[in-house]
Amino acid sequence: RPASEVSYTHTTLFRPPRNAAGAASRPSATASRYVNVPVAT
């Protein structure tokens, strides 16, 4: 991978929001772009 992205090998890194309110840092609108792909039933 690019040198700027190289780091130590790790598992999943969980991180809590730094804003104590949490929800206050979230956008009010939901992203609306999507992909239509045929999917088996």
PDB file of all heavy atoms in Angstrom:
ATOM      1  N   ARG A   1       0.855  -1.187   0.000  1.00  0.00           N
ATOM      2  CA  ARG A   1       0.000   0.000   0.000  1.00  0.00           C
ATOM      3  C   ARG A   1       0.890   1.236   0.000  1.00  0.00           C
ATOM      4  O   ARG A   1       2.097   1.138   0.229  1.00  0.00           O
ATOM      5  CB  ARG A   1      -0.921  -0.006   1.225  1.00  0.00           C
ATOM      6  CG  ARG A   1      -0.224   0.152   2.552  1.00  0.00           C
ATOM      7  CD  ARG A   1      -1.188  -0.116   3.713  1.00  0.00           C
ATOM      8  NE  ARG A   1      -2.439   0.578   3.585  1.00  0.00           N
ATOM      9  CZ  ARG A   1      -3.632   0.039   3.916  1.00  0.00           C
ATOM     10  NH1 ARG A   1      -3.697  -1.186   4.413  1.00  0.00           N
ATOM     11  NH2 ARG A   1      -4.741   0.736   3.771  1.00  0.00           N
ATOM     12  N   PRO A   2       0.334   2.432  -0.253  1.00  0.00           N
ATOM     13  CA  PRO A   2       1.162   3.647  -0.264  1.00  0.00           C
ATOM     14  C   PRO A   2       1.913   3.831   1.046  1.00  0.00           C
ATOM     15  O   PRO A   2       1.401   3.513   2.125  1.00  0.00           O
ATOM     16  CB  PRO A   2       0.123   4.755  -0.477  1.00  0.00           C
ATOM     17  CG  PRO A   2      -1.001   4.087  -1.189  1.00  0.00           C
ATOM     18  CD  PRO A   2      -1.063   2.703  -0.634  1.00  0.00           C
ATOM     19  N   ALA A   3       3.113   4.360   0.953  1.00  0.00           N
ATOM     20  CA  ALA A   3       3.957   4.543   2.138  1.00  0.00           C
ATOM     21  C   ALA A   3       3.269   5.385   3.203  1.00  0.00           C
ATOM     22  O   ALA A   3       3.460   5.173   4.406  1.00  0.00           O
ATOM     23  CB  ALA A   3       5.284   5.177   1.736  1.00  0.00           C
ATOM     24  N   SER A   4       2.445   6.338   2.785  1.00  0.00           N
ATOM     25  CA  SER A   4       1.765   7.219   3.735  1.00  0.00           C
ATOM     26  C   SER A   4       0.719   6.488   4.560  1.00  0.00           C
ATOM     27  O   SER A   4       0.256   7.002   5.588  1.00  0.00           O
ATOM     28  CB  SER A   4       1.105   8.385   2.992  1.00  0.00           C
ATOM     29  OG  SER A   4       0.141   7.896   2.062  1.00  0.00           O
ATOM     30  N   GLU A   5       0.323   5.289   4.122  1.00  0.00           N
ATOM     31  CA  GLU A   5      -0.700   4.524   4.826  1.00  0.00           C
ATOM     32  C   GLU A   5      -0.130   3.348   5.612  1.00  0.00           C
ATOM     33  O   GLU A   5      -0.865   2.658   6.324  1.00  0.00           O
ATOM     34  CB  GLU A   5      -1.741   3.988   3.835  1.00  0.00           C
ATOM     35  CG  GLU A   5      -2.540   5.049   3.122  1.00  0.00           C
ATOM     36  CD  GLU A   5      -3.564   4.445   2.170  1.00  0.00           C
ATOM     37  OE1 GLU A   5      -3.754   3.215   2.165  1.00  0.00           O
ATOM     38  OE2 GLU A   5      -4.169   5.228   1.419  1.00  0.00           O
ATOM     39  N   VAL A   6       1.161   3.100   5.514  1.00  0.00           N
ATOM     40  CA  VAL A   6       1.761   1.938   6.159  1.00  0.00           C
ATOM     41  C   VAL A   6       1.825   2.158   7.674  1.00  0.00           C
ATOM     42  O   VAL A   6       2.224   3.225   8.143  1.00  0.00           O
ATOM     43  CB  VAL A   6       3.165   1.654   5.606  1.00  0.00           C
ATOM     44  CG1 VAL A   6       3.856   0.558   6.411  1.00  0.00           C
ATOM     45  CG2 VAL A   6       3.082   1.267   4.134  1.00  0.00           C
ATOM     46  N   SER A   7       1.405   1.143   8.431  1.00  0.00           N
ATOM     47  CA  SER A   7       1.495   1.211   9.885  1.00  0.00           C
ATOM     48  C   SER A   7       1.698  -0.204  10.420  1.00  0.00           C
ATOM     49  O   SER A   7       1.880  -1.147   9.651  1.00  0.00           O
ATOM     50  CB  SER A   7       0.227   1.834  10.474  1.00  0.00           C
ATOM     51  OG  SER A   7      -0.882   0.951  10.321  1.00  0.00           O
ATOM     52  N   TYR A   8       1.661  -0.360  11.712  1.00  0.00           N
ATOM     53  CA  TYR A   8       1.797  -1.676  12.313  1.00  0.00           C
ATOM     54  C   TYR A   8       0.568  -2.534  12.002  1.00  0.00           C
ATOM     55  O   TYR A   8      -0.525  -2.018  11.766  1.00  0.00           O
ATOM     56  CB  TYR A   8       1.985  -1.554  13.824  1.00  0.00           C
ATOM     57  CG  TYR A   8       0.776  -1.007  14.549  1.00  0.00           C
ATOM     58  CD1 TYR A   8      -0.129  -1.875  15.167  1.00  0.00           C
ATOM     59  CD2 TYR A   8       0.528   0.364  14.612  1.00  0.00           C
ATOM     60  CE1 TYR A   8      -1.246  -1.392  15.834  1.00  0.00           C
ATOM     61  CE2 TYR A   8      -0.592   0.855  15.268  1.00  0.00           C
ATOM     62  CZ  TYR A   8      -1.475  -0.023  15.882  1.00  0.00           C
ATOM     63  OH  TYR A   8      -2.586   0.457  16.522  1.00  0.00           O
ATOM     64  N   THR A   9       0.733  -3.835  12.007  1.00  0.00           N
ATOM     65  CA  THR A   9      -0.395  -4.741  11.787  1.00  0.00           C
ATOM     66  C   THR A   9      -1.293  -4.730  13.022  1.00  0.00           C
ATOM     67  O   THR A   9      -0.814  -4.875  14.151  1.00  0.00           O
ATOM     68  CB  THR A   9       0.105  -6.172  11.521  1.00  0.00           C
ATOM     69  OG1 THR A   9       0.910  -6.159  10.328  1.00  0.00           O
ATOM     70  CG2 THR A   9      -1.058  -7.134  11.337  1.00  0.00           C
ATOM     71  N   HIS A  10      -2.585  -4.518  12.804  1.00  0.00           N
ATOM     72  CA  HIS A  10      -3.495  -4.438  13.946  1.00  0.00           C
ATOM     73  C   HIS A  10      -4.841  -5.073  13.617  1.00  0.00           C
ATOM     74  O   HIS A  10      -5.195  -5.260  12.458  1.00  0.00           O
ATOM     75  CB  HIS A  10      -3.699  -2.981  14.372  1.00  0.00           C
ATOM     76  CG  HIS A  10      -4.278  -2.104  13.297  1.00  0.00           C
ATOM     77  ND1 HIS A  10      -5.609  -2.144  12.911  1.00  0.00           N
ATOM     78  CD2 HIS A  10      -3.688  -1.153  12.513  1.00  0.00           C
ATOM     79  CE1 HIS A  10      -5.814  -1.263  11.961  1.00  0.00           C
ATOM     80  NE2 HIS A  10      -4.666  -0.649  11.691  1.00  0.00           N
ATOM     81  N   THR A  11      -5.587  -5.382  14.660  1.00  0.00           N
ATOM     82  CA  THR A  11      -6.959  -5.844  14.526  1.00  0.00           C
ATOM     83  C   THR A  11      -7.876  -4.624  14.515  1.00  0.00           C
ATOM     84  O   THR A  11      -7.415  -3.492  14.332  1.00  0.00           O
ATOM     85  CB  THR A  11      -7.327  -6.800  15.670  1.00  0.00           C
ATOM     86  OG1 THR A  11      -7.148  -6.112  16.922  1.00  0.00           O
ATOM     87  CG2 THR A  11      -6.432  -8.036  15.658  1.00  0.00           C
ATOM     88  N   THR A  12      -9.159  -4.825  14.732  1.00  0.00           N
ATOM     89  CA  THR A  12     -10.120  -3.724  14.728  1.00  0.00           C
ATOM     90  C   THR A  12      -9.799  -2.712  15.827  1.00  0.00           C
ATOM     91  O   THR A  12      -9.509  -3.088  16.965  1.00  0.00           O
ATOM     92  CB  THR A  12     -11.539  -4.275  14.928  1.00  0.00           C
ATOM     93  OG1 THR A  12     -11.805  -5.250  13.919  1.00  0.00           O
ATOM     94  CG2 THR A  12     -12.574  -3.164  14.825  1.00  0.00           C
ATOM     95  N   LEU A  13      -9.842  -1.415  15.463  1.00  0.00           N
ATOM     96  CA  LEU A  13      -9.532  -0.335  16.399  1.00  0.00           C
ATOM     97  C   LEU A  13     -10.817   0.422  16.727  1.00  0.00           C
ATOM     98  O   LEU A  13     -11.328   1.179  15.891  1.00  0.00           O
ATOM     99  CB  LEU A  13      -8.509   0.628  15.784  1.00  0.00           C
ATOM    100  CG  LEU A  13      -7.187   0.024  15.304  1.00  0.00           C
ATOM    101  CD1 LEU A  13      -6.351   1.089  14.583  1.00  0.00           C
ATOM    102  CD2 LEU A  13      -6.412  -0.576  16.465  1.00  0.00           C
ATOM    103  N   PHE A  14     -11.366   0.215  17.902  1.00  0.00           N
ATOM    104  CA  PHE A  14     -12.578   0.915  18.308  1.00  0.00           C
ATOM    105  C   PHE A  14     -12.206   2.269  18.910  1.00  0.00           C
ATOM    106  O   PHE A  14     -11.260   2.381  19.691  1.00  0.00           O
ATOM    107  CB  PHE A  14     -13.369   0.089  19.317  1.00  0.00           C
ATOM    108  CG  PHE A  14     -14.033  -1.109  18.694  1.00  0.00           C
ATOM    109  CD1 PHE A  14     -13.401  -2.340  18.696  1.00  0.00           C
ATOM    110  CD2 PHE A  14     -15.278  -1.000  18.100  1.00  0.00           C
ATOM    111  CE1 PHE A  14     -14.003  -3.444  18.116  1.00  0.00           C
ATOM    112  CE2 PHE A  14     -15.886  -2.092  17.516  1.00  0.00           C
ATOM    113  CZ  PHE A  14     -15.247  -3.322  17.523  1.00  0.00           C
ATOM    114  N   ARG A  15     -12.976   3.312  18.533  1.00  0.00           N
ATOM    115  CA  ARG A  15     -12.698   4.660  19.002  1.00  0.00           C
ATOM    116  C   ARG A  15     -14.014   5.354  19.377  1.00  0.00           C
ATOM    117  O   ARG A  15     -14.921   5.466  18.545  1.00  0.00           O
ATOM    118  CB  ARG A  15     -12.010   5.484  17.908  1.00  0.00           C
ATOM    119  CG  ARG A  15     -10.615   5.002  17.559  1.00  0.00           C
ATOM    120  CD  ARG A  15      -9.619   5.339  18.657  1.00  0.00           C
ATOM    121  NE  ARG A  15      -8.257   5.013  18.290  1.00  0.00           N
ATOM    122  CZ  ARG A  15      -7.668   3.843  18.514  1.00  0.00           C
ATOM    123  NH1 ARG A  15      -8.363   2.872  19.107  1.00  0.00           N
ATOM    124  NH2 ARG A  15      -6.424   3.612  18.157  1.00  0.00           N
ATOM    125  N   PRO A  16     -14.125   5.887  20.604  1.00  0.00           N
ATOM    126  CA  PRO A  16     -15.314   6.657  20.971  1.00  0.00           C
ATOM    127  C   PRO A  16     -15.220   8.072  20.418  1.00  0.00           C
ATOM    128  O   PRO A  16     -14.114   8.595  20.221  1.00  0.00           O
ATOM    129  CB  PRO A  16     -15.270   6.672  22.496  1.00  0.00           C
ATOM    130  CG  PRO A  16     -13.802   6.590  22.809  1.00  0.00           C
ATOM    131  CD  PRO A  16     -13.197   5.720  21.727  1.00  0.00           C
ATOM    132  N   PRO A  17     -16.355   8.720  20.155  1.00  0.00           N
ATOM    133  CA  PRO A  17     -16.308  10.125  19.721  1.00  0.00           C
ATOM    134  C   PRO A  17     -15.667  10.997  20.792  1.00  0.00           C
ATOM    135  O   PRO A  17     -15.843  10.759  21.987  1.00  0.00           O
ATOM    136  CB  PRO A  17     -17.797  10.488  19.537  1.00  0.00           C
ATOM    137  CG  PRO A  17     -18.489   9.179  19.372  1.00  0.00           C
ATOM    138  CD  PRO A  17     -17.718   8.188  20.199  1.00  0.00           C
ATOM    139  N   ARG A  18     -14.899  12.013  20.362  1.00  0.00           N
ATOM    140  CA  ARG A  18     -14.256  12.915  21.324  1.00  0.00           C
ATOM    141  C   ARG A  18     -15.215  13.966  21.841  1.00  0.00           C
ATOM    142  O   ARG A  18     -15.013  14.523  22.897  1.00  0.00           O
ATOM    143  CB  ARG A  18     -13.041  13.579  20.678  1.00  0.00           C
ATOM    144  CG  ARG A  18     -11.918  12.596  20.390  1.00  0.00           C
ATOM    145  CD  ARG A  18     -10.650  13.298  19.973  1.00  0.00           C
ATOM    146  NE  ARG A  18      -9.573  12.353  19.752  1.00  0.00           N
ATOM    147  CZ  ARG A  18      -8.335  12.695  19.437  1.00  0.00           C
ATOM    148  NH1 ARG A  18      -8.026  13.976  19.294  1.00  0.00           N
ATOM    149  NH2 ARG A  18      -7.409  11.781  19.252  1.00  0.00           N
ATOM    150  N   ASN A  19     -16.246  14.257  21.067  1.00  0.00           N
ATOM    151  CA  ASN A  19     -17.283  15.167  21.546  1.00  0.00           C
ATOM    152  C   ASN A  19     -18.138  14.407  22.548  1.00  0.00           C
ATOM    153  O   ASN A  19     -18.729  13.384  22.218  1.00  0.00           O
ATOM    154  CB  ASN A  19     -18.136  15.640  20.365  1.00  0.00           C
ATOM    155  CG  ASN A  19     -19.169  16.657  20.776  1.00  0.00           C
ATOM    156  OD1 ASN A  19     -19.732  16.601  21.854  1.00  0.00           O
ATOM    157  ND2 ASN A  19     -19.437  17.586  19.870  1.00  0.00           N
ATOM    158  N   ALA A  20     -18.203  14.871  23.770  1.00  0.00           N
ATOM    159  CA  ALA A  20     -18.921  14.143  24.814  1.00  0.00           C
ATOM    160  C   ALA A  20     -20.381  13.958  24.463  1.00  0.00           C
ATOM    161  O   ALA A  20     -21.003  12.971  24.839  1.00  0.00           O
ATOM    162  CB  ALA A  20     -18.786  14.885  26.144  1.00  0.00           C
ATOM    163  N   ALA A  21     -20.955  14.924  23.728  1.00  0.00           N
ATOM    164  CA  ALA A  21     -22.368  14.814  23.369  1.00  0.00           C
ATOM    165  C   ALA A  21     -22.604  13.749  22.318  1.00  0.00           C
ATOM    166  O   ALA A  21     -23.691  13.197  22.210  1.00  0.00           O
ATOM    167  CB  ALA A  21     -22.884  16.164  22.870  1.00  0.00           C
ATOM    168  N   GLY A  22     -21.597  13.444  21.510  1.00  0.00           N
ATOM    169  CA  GLY A  22     -21.718  12.396  20.505  1.00  0.00           C
ATOM    170  C   GLY A  22     -22.688  12.751  19.409  1.00  0.00           C
ATOM    171  O   GLY A  22     -22.300  13.119  18.297  1.00  0.00           O
ATOM    172  N   ALA A  23     -23.960  12.694  19.703  1.00  0.00           N
ATOM    173  CA  ALA A  23     -24.991  12.914  18.688  1.00  0.00           C
ATOM    174  C   ALA A  23     -24.941  14.316  18.114  1.00  0.00           C
ATOM    175  O   ALA A  23     -25.332  14.542  16.981  1.00  0.00           O
ATOM    176  CB  ALA A  23     -26.373  12.641  19.286  1.00  0.00           C
ATOM    177  N   ALA A  24     -24.440  15.270  18.878  1.00  0.00           N
ATOM    178  CA  ALA A  24     -24.376  16.649  18.394  1.00  0.00           C
ATOM    179  C   ALA A  24     -23.422  16.795  17.222  1.00  0.00           C
ATOM    180  O   ALA A  24     -23.501  17.753  16.471  1.00  0.00           O
ATOM    181  CB  ALA A  24     -23.944  17.574  19.532  1.00  0.00           C
ATOM    182  N   SER A  25     -22.514  15.836  17.054  1.00  0.00           N
ATOM    183  CA  SER A  25     -21.552  15.895  15.966  1.00  0.00           C
ATOM    184  C   SER A  25     -22.044  15.189  14.705  1.00  0.00           C
ATOM    185  O   SER A  25     -21.321  15.089  13.730  1.00  0.00           O
ATOM    186  CB  SER A  25     -20.235  15.240  16.410  1.00  0.00           C
ATOM    187  OG  SER A  25     -19.678  15.943  17.488  1.00  0.00           O
ATOM    188  N   ARG A  26     -23.272  14.695  14.727  1.00  0.00           N
ATOM    189  CA  ARG A  26     -23.799  13.941  13.595  1.00  0.00           C
ATOM    190  C   ARG A  26     -24.606  14.839  12.681  1.00  0.00           C
ATOM    191  O   ARG A  26     -25.284  15.762  13.130  1.00  0.00           O
ATOM    192  CB  ARG A  26     -24.675  12.800  14.097  1.00  0.00           C
ATOM    193  CG  ARG A  26     -23.902  11.743  14.875  1.00  0.00           C
ATOM    194  CD  ARG A  26     -24.843  10.747  15.500  1.00  0.00           C
ATOM    195  NE  ARG A  26     -24.091   9.723  16.216  1.00  0.00           N
ATOM    196  CZ  ARG A  26     -24.645   8.853  17.039  1.00  0.00           C
ATOM    197  NH1 ARG A  26     -25.948   8.873  17.248  1.00  0.00           N
ATOM    198  NH2 ARG A  26     -23.910   7.950  17.647  1.00  0.00           N
ATOM    199  N   PRO A  27     -24.576  14.569  11.373  1.00  0.00           N
ATOM    200  CA  PRO A  27     -25.376  15.368  10.446  1.00  0.00           C
ATOM    201  C   PRO A  27     -26.850  15.051  10.619  1.00  0.00           C
ATOM    202  O   PRO A  27     -27.223  13.954  11.025  1.00  0.00           O
ATOM    203  CB  PRO A  27     -24.863  14.917   9.065  1.00  0.00           C
ATOM    204  CG  PRO A  27     -24.368  13.527   9.296  1.00  0.00           C
ATOM    205  CD  PRO A  27     -23.803  13.525  10.701  1.00  0.00           C
ATOM    206  N   SER A  28     -27.703  16.029  10.324  1.00  0.00           N
ATOM    207  CA  SER A  28     -29.143  15.812  10.462  1.00  0.00           C
ATOM    208  C   SER A  28     -29.720  15.050   9.284  1.00  0.00           C
ATOM    209  O   SER A  28     -30.754  14.414   9.385  1.00  0.00           O
ATOM    210  CB  SER A  28     -29.863  17.158  10.594  1.00  0.00           C
ATOM    211  OG  SER A  28     -29.591  17.979   9.464  1.00  0.00           O
ATOM    212  N   ALA A  29     -29.046  15.124   8.139  1.00  0.00           N
ATOM    213  CA  ALA A  29     -29.550  14.466   6.937  1.00  0.00           C
ATOM    214  C   ALA A  29     -28.824  13.155   6.686  1.00  0.00           C
ATOM    215  O   ALA A  29     -27.670  12.988   7.063  1.00  0.00           O
ATOM    216  CB  ALA A  29     -29.394  15.391   5.730  1.00  0.00           C
ATOM    217  N   THR A  30     -29.524  12.243   6.037  1.00  0.00           N
ATOM    218  CA  THR A  30     -28.947  10.955   5.676  1.00  0.00           C
ATOM    219  C   THR A  30     -28.420  11.006   4.252  1.00  0.00           C
ATOM    220  O   THR A  30     -29.047  11.604   3.376  1.00  0.00           O
ATOM    221  CB  THR A  30     -30.012   9.847   5.792  1.00  0.00           C
ATOM    222  OG1 THR A  30     -30.432   9.756   7.146  1.00  0.00           O
ATOM    223  CG2 THR A  30     -29.466   8.502   5.355  1.00  0.00           C
ATOM    224  N   ALA A  31     -27.256  10.391   4.016  1.00  0.00           N
ATOM    225  CA  ALA A  31     -26.716  10.334   2.655  1.00  0.00           C
ATOM    226  C   ALA A  31     -27.715   9.649   1.740  1.00  0.00           C
ATOM    227  O   ALA A  31     -28.376   8.688   2.126  1.00  0.00           O
ATOM    228  CB  ALA A  31     -25.397   9.574   2.660  1.00  0.00           C
ATOM    229  N   SER A  32     -27.833  10.121   0.504  1.00  0.00           N
ATOM    230  CA  SER A  32     -28.886   9.629  -0.377  1.00  0.00           C
ATOM    231  C   SER A  32     -28.382   8.951  -1.644  1.00  0.00           C
ATOM    232  O   SER A  32     -29.169   8.431  -2.417  1.00  0.00           O
ATOM    233  CB  SER A  32     -29.804  10.789  -0.779  1.00  0.00           C
ATOM    234  OG  SER A  32     -29.060  11.799  -1.449  1.00  0.00           O
ATOM    235  N   ARG A  33     -27.068   8.954  -1.886  1.00  0.00           N
ATOM    236  CA  ARG A  33     -26.562   8.322  -3.106  1.00  0.00           C
ATOM    237  C   ARG A  33     -26.489   6.814  -2.916  1.00  0.00           C
ATOM    238  O   ARG A  33     -26.136   6.331  -1.846  1.00  0.00           O
ATOM    239  CB  ARG A  33     -25.177   8.869  -3.457  1.00  0.00           C
ATOM    240  CG  ARG A  33     -25.204  10.329  -3.849  1.00  0.00           C
ATOM    241  CD  ARG A  33     -23.843  10.772  -4.311  1.00  0.00           C
ATOM    242  NE  ARG A  33     -22.873  10.693  -3.237  1.00  0.00           N
ATOM    243  CZ  ARG A  33     -21.584  10.887  -3.410  1.00  0.00           C
ATOM    244  NH1 ARG A  33     -21.113  11.163  -4.597  1.00  0.00           N
ATOM    245  NH2 ARG A  33     -20.751  10.806  -2.388  1.00  0.00           N
ATOM    246  N   TYR A  34     -26.839   6.078  -3.953  1.00  0.00           N
ATOM    247  CA  TYR A  34     -26.869   4.632  -3.824  1.00  0.00           C
ATOM    248  C   TYR A  34     -26.619   3.984  -5.167  1.00  0.00           C
ATOM    249  O   TYR A  34     -26.601   4.622  -6.210  1.00  0.00           O
ATOM    250  CB  TYR A  34     -28.200   4.160  -3.250  1.00  0.00           C
ATOM    251  CG  TYR A  34     -29.403   4.531  -4.088  1.00  0.00           C
ATOM    252  CD1 TYR A  34     -29.895   3.666  -5.058  1.00  0.00           C
ATOM    253  CD2 TYR A  34     -30.028   5.762  -3.913  1.00  0.00           C
ATOM    254  CE1 TYR A  34     -30.984   4.019  -5.837  1.00  0.00           C
ATOM    255  CE2 TYR A  34     -31.117   6.111  -4.694  1.00  0.00           C
ATOM    256  CZ  TYR A  34     -31.600   5.246  -5.642  1.00  0.00           C
ATOM    257  OH  TYR A  34     -32.660   5.595  -6.408  1.00  0.00           O
ATOM    258  N   VAL A  35     -26.461   2.670  -5.140  1.00  0.00           N
ATOM    259  CA  VAL A  35     -26.221   1.889  -6.348  1.00  0.00           C
ATOM    260  C   VAL A  35     -27.342   0.880  -6.499  1.00  0.00           C
ATOM    261  O   VAL A  35     -27.701   0.201  -5.537  1.00  0.00           O
ATOM    262  CB  VAL A  35     -24.872   1.145  -6.248  1.00  0.00           C
ATOM    263  CG1 VAL A  35     -24.679   0.218  -7.434  1.00  0.00           C
ATOM    264  CG2 VAL A  35     -23.739   2.149  -6.188  1.00  0.00           C
ATOM    265  N   ASN A  36     -27.927   0.778  -7.664  1.00  0.00           N
ATOM    266  CA  ASN A  36     -28.928  -0.232  -7.937  1.00  0.00           C
ATOM    267  C   ASN A  36     -28.252  -1.472  -8.508  1.00  0.00           C
ATOM    268  O   ASN A  36     -27.651  -1.423  -9.572  1.00  0.00           O
ATOM    269  CB  ASN A  36     -29.970   0.278  -8.942  1.00  0.00           C
ATOM    270  CG  ASN A  36     -30.895   1.286  -8.301  1.00  0.00           C
ATOM    271  OD1 ASN A  36     -31.316   1.101  -7.168  1.00  0.00           O
ATOM    272  ND2 ASN A  36     -31.204   2.359  -9.010  1.00  0.00           N
ATOM    273  N   VAL A  37     -28.345  -2.576  -7.803  1.00  0.00           N
ATOM    274  CA  VAL A  37     -27.745  -3.833  -8.230  1.00  0.00           C
ATOM    275  C   VAL A  37     -28.797  -4.919  -8.101  1.00  0.00           C
ATOM    276  O   VAL A  37     -29.433  -5.034  -7.051  1.00  0.00           O
ATOM    277  CB  VAL A  37     -26.530  -4.205  -7.341  1.00  0.00           C
ATOM    278  CG1 VAL A  37     -25.907  -5.503  -7.804  1.00  0.00           C
ATOM    279  CG2 VAL A  37     -25.506  -3.098  -7.350  1.00  0.00           C
ATOM    280  N   PRO A  38     -29.048  -5.739  -9.143  1.00  0.00           N
ATOM    281  CA  PRO A  38     -30.027  -6.818  -9.009  1.00  0.00           C
ATOM    282  C   PRO A  38     -29.552  -7.842  -7.996  1.00  0.00           C
ATOM    283  O   PRO A  38     -28.402  -8.274  -8.030  1.00  0.00           O
ATOM    284  CB  PRO A  38     -30.088  -7.422 -10.419  1.00  0.00           C
ATOM    285  CG  PRO A  38     -28.806  -7.031 -11.061  1.00  0.00           C
ATOM    286  CD  PRO A  38     -28.440  -5.690 -10.469  1.00  0.00           C
ATOM    287  N   VAL A  39     -30.420  -8.206  -7.080  1.00  0.00           N
ATOM    288  CA  VAL A  39     -30.065  -9.119  -6.006  1.00  0.00           C
ATOM    289  C   VAL A  39     -31.038 -10.278  -5.986  1.00  0.00           C
ATOM    290  O   VAL A  39     -32.242 -10.106  -6.142  1.00  0.00           O
ATOM    291  CB  VAL A  39     -30.096  -8.394  -4.642  1.00  0.00           C
ATOM    292  CG1 VAL A  39     -29.821  -9.362  -3.506  1.00  0.00           C
ATOM    293  CG2 VAL A  39     -29.062  -7.275  -4.624  1.00  0.00           C
ATOM    294  N   ALA A  40     -30.517 -11.483  -5.805  1.00  0.00           N
ATOM    295  CA  ALA A  40     -31.359 -12.676  -5.776  1.00  0.00           C
ATOM    296  C   ALA A  40     -32.311 -12.614  -4.590  1.00  0.00           C
ATOM    297  O   ALA A  40     -31.996 -12.093  -3.532  1.00  0.00           O
ATOM    298  CB  ALA A  40     -30.480 -13.924  -5.673  1.00  0.00           C
ATOM    299  N   THR A  41     -33.507 -13.172  -4.741  1.00  0.00           N
ATOM    300  CA  THR A  41     -34.501 -13.129  -3.682  1.00  0.00           C
ATOM    301  C   THR A  41     -34.229 -14.085  -2.534  1.00  0.00           C
ATOM    302  O   THR A  41     -34.548 -13.761  -1.394  1.00  0.00           O
ATOM    303  CB  THR A  41     -35.895 -13.422  -4.255  1.00  0.00           C
ATOM    304  OG1 THR A  41     -35.843 -14.644  -5.010  1.00  0.00           O
ATOM    305  CG2 THR A  41     -36.344 -12.308  -5.163  1.00  0.00           C
TER     306      THR A  41
END
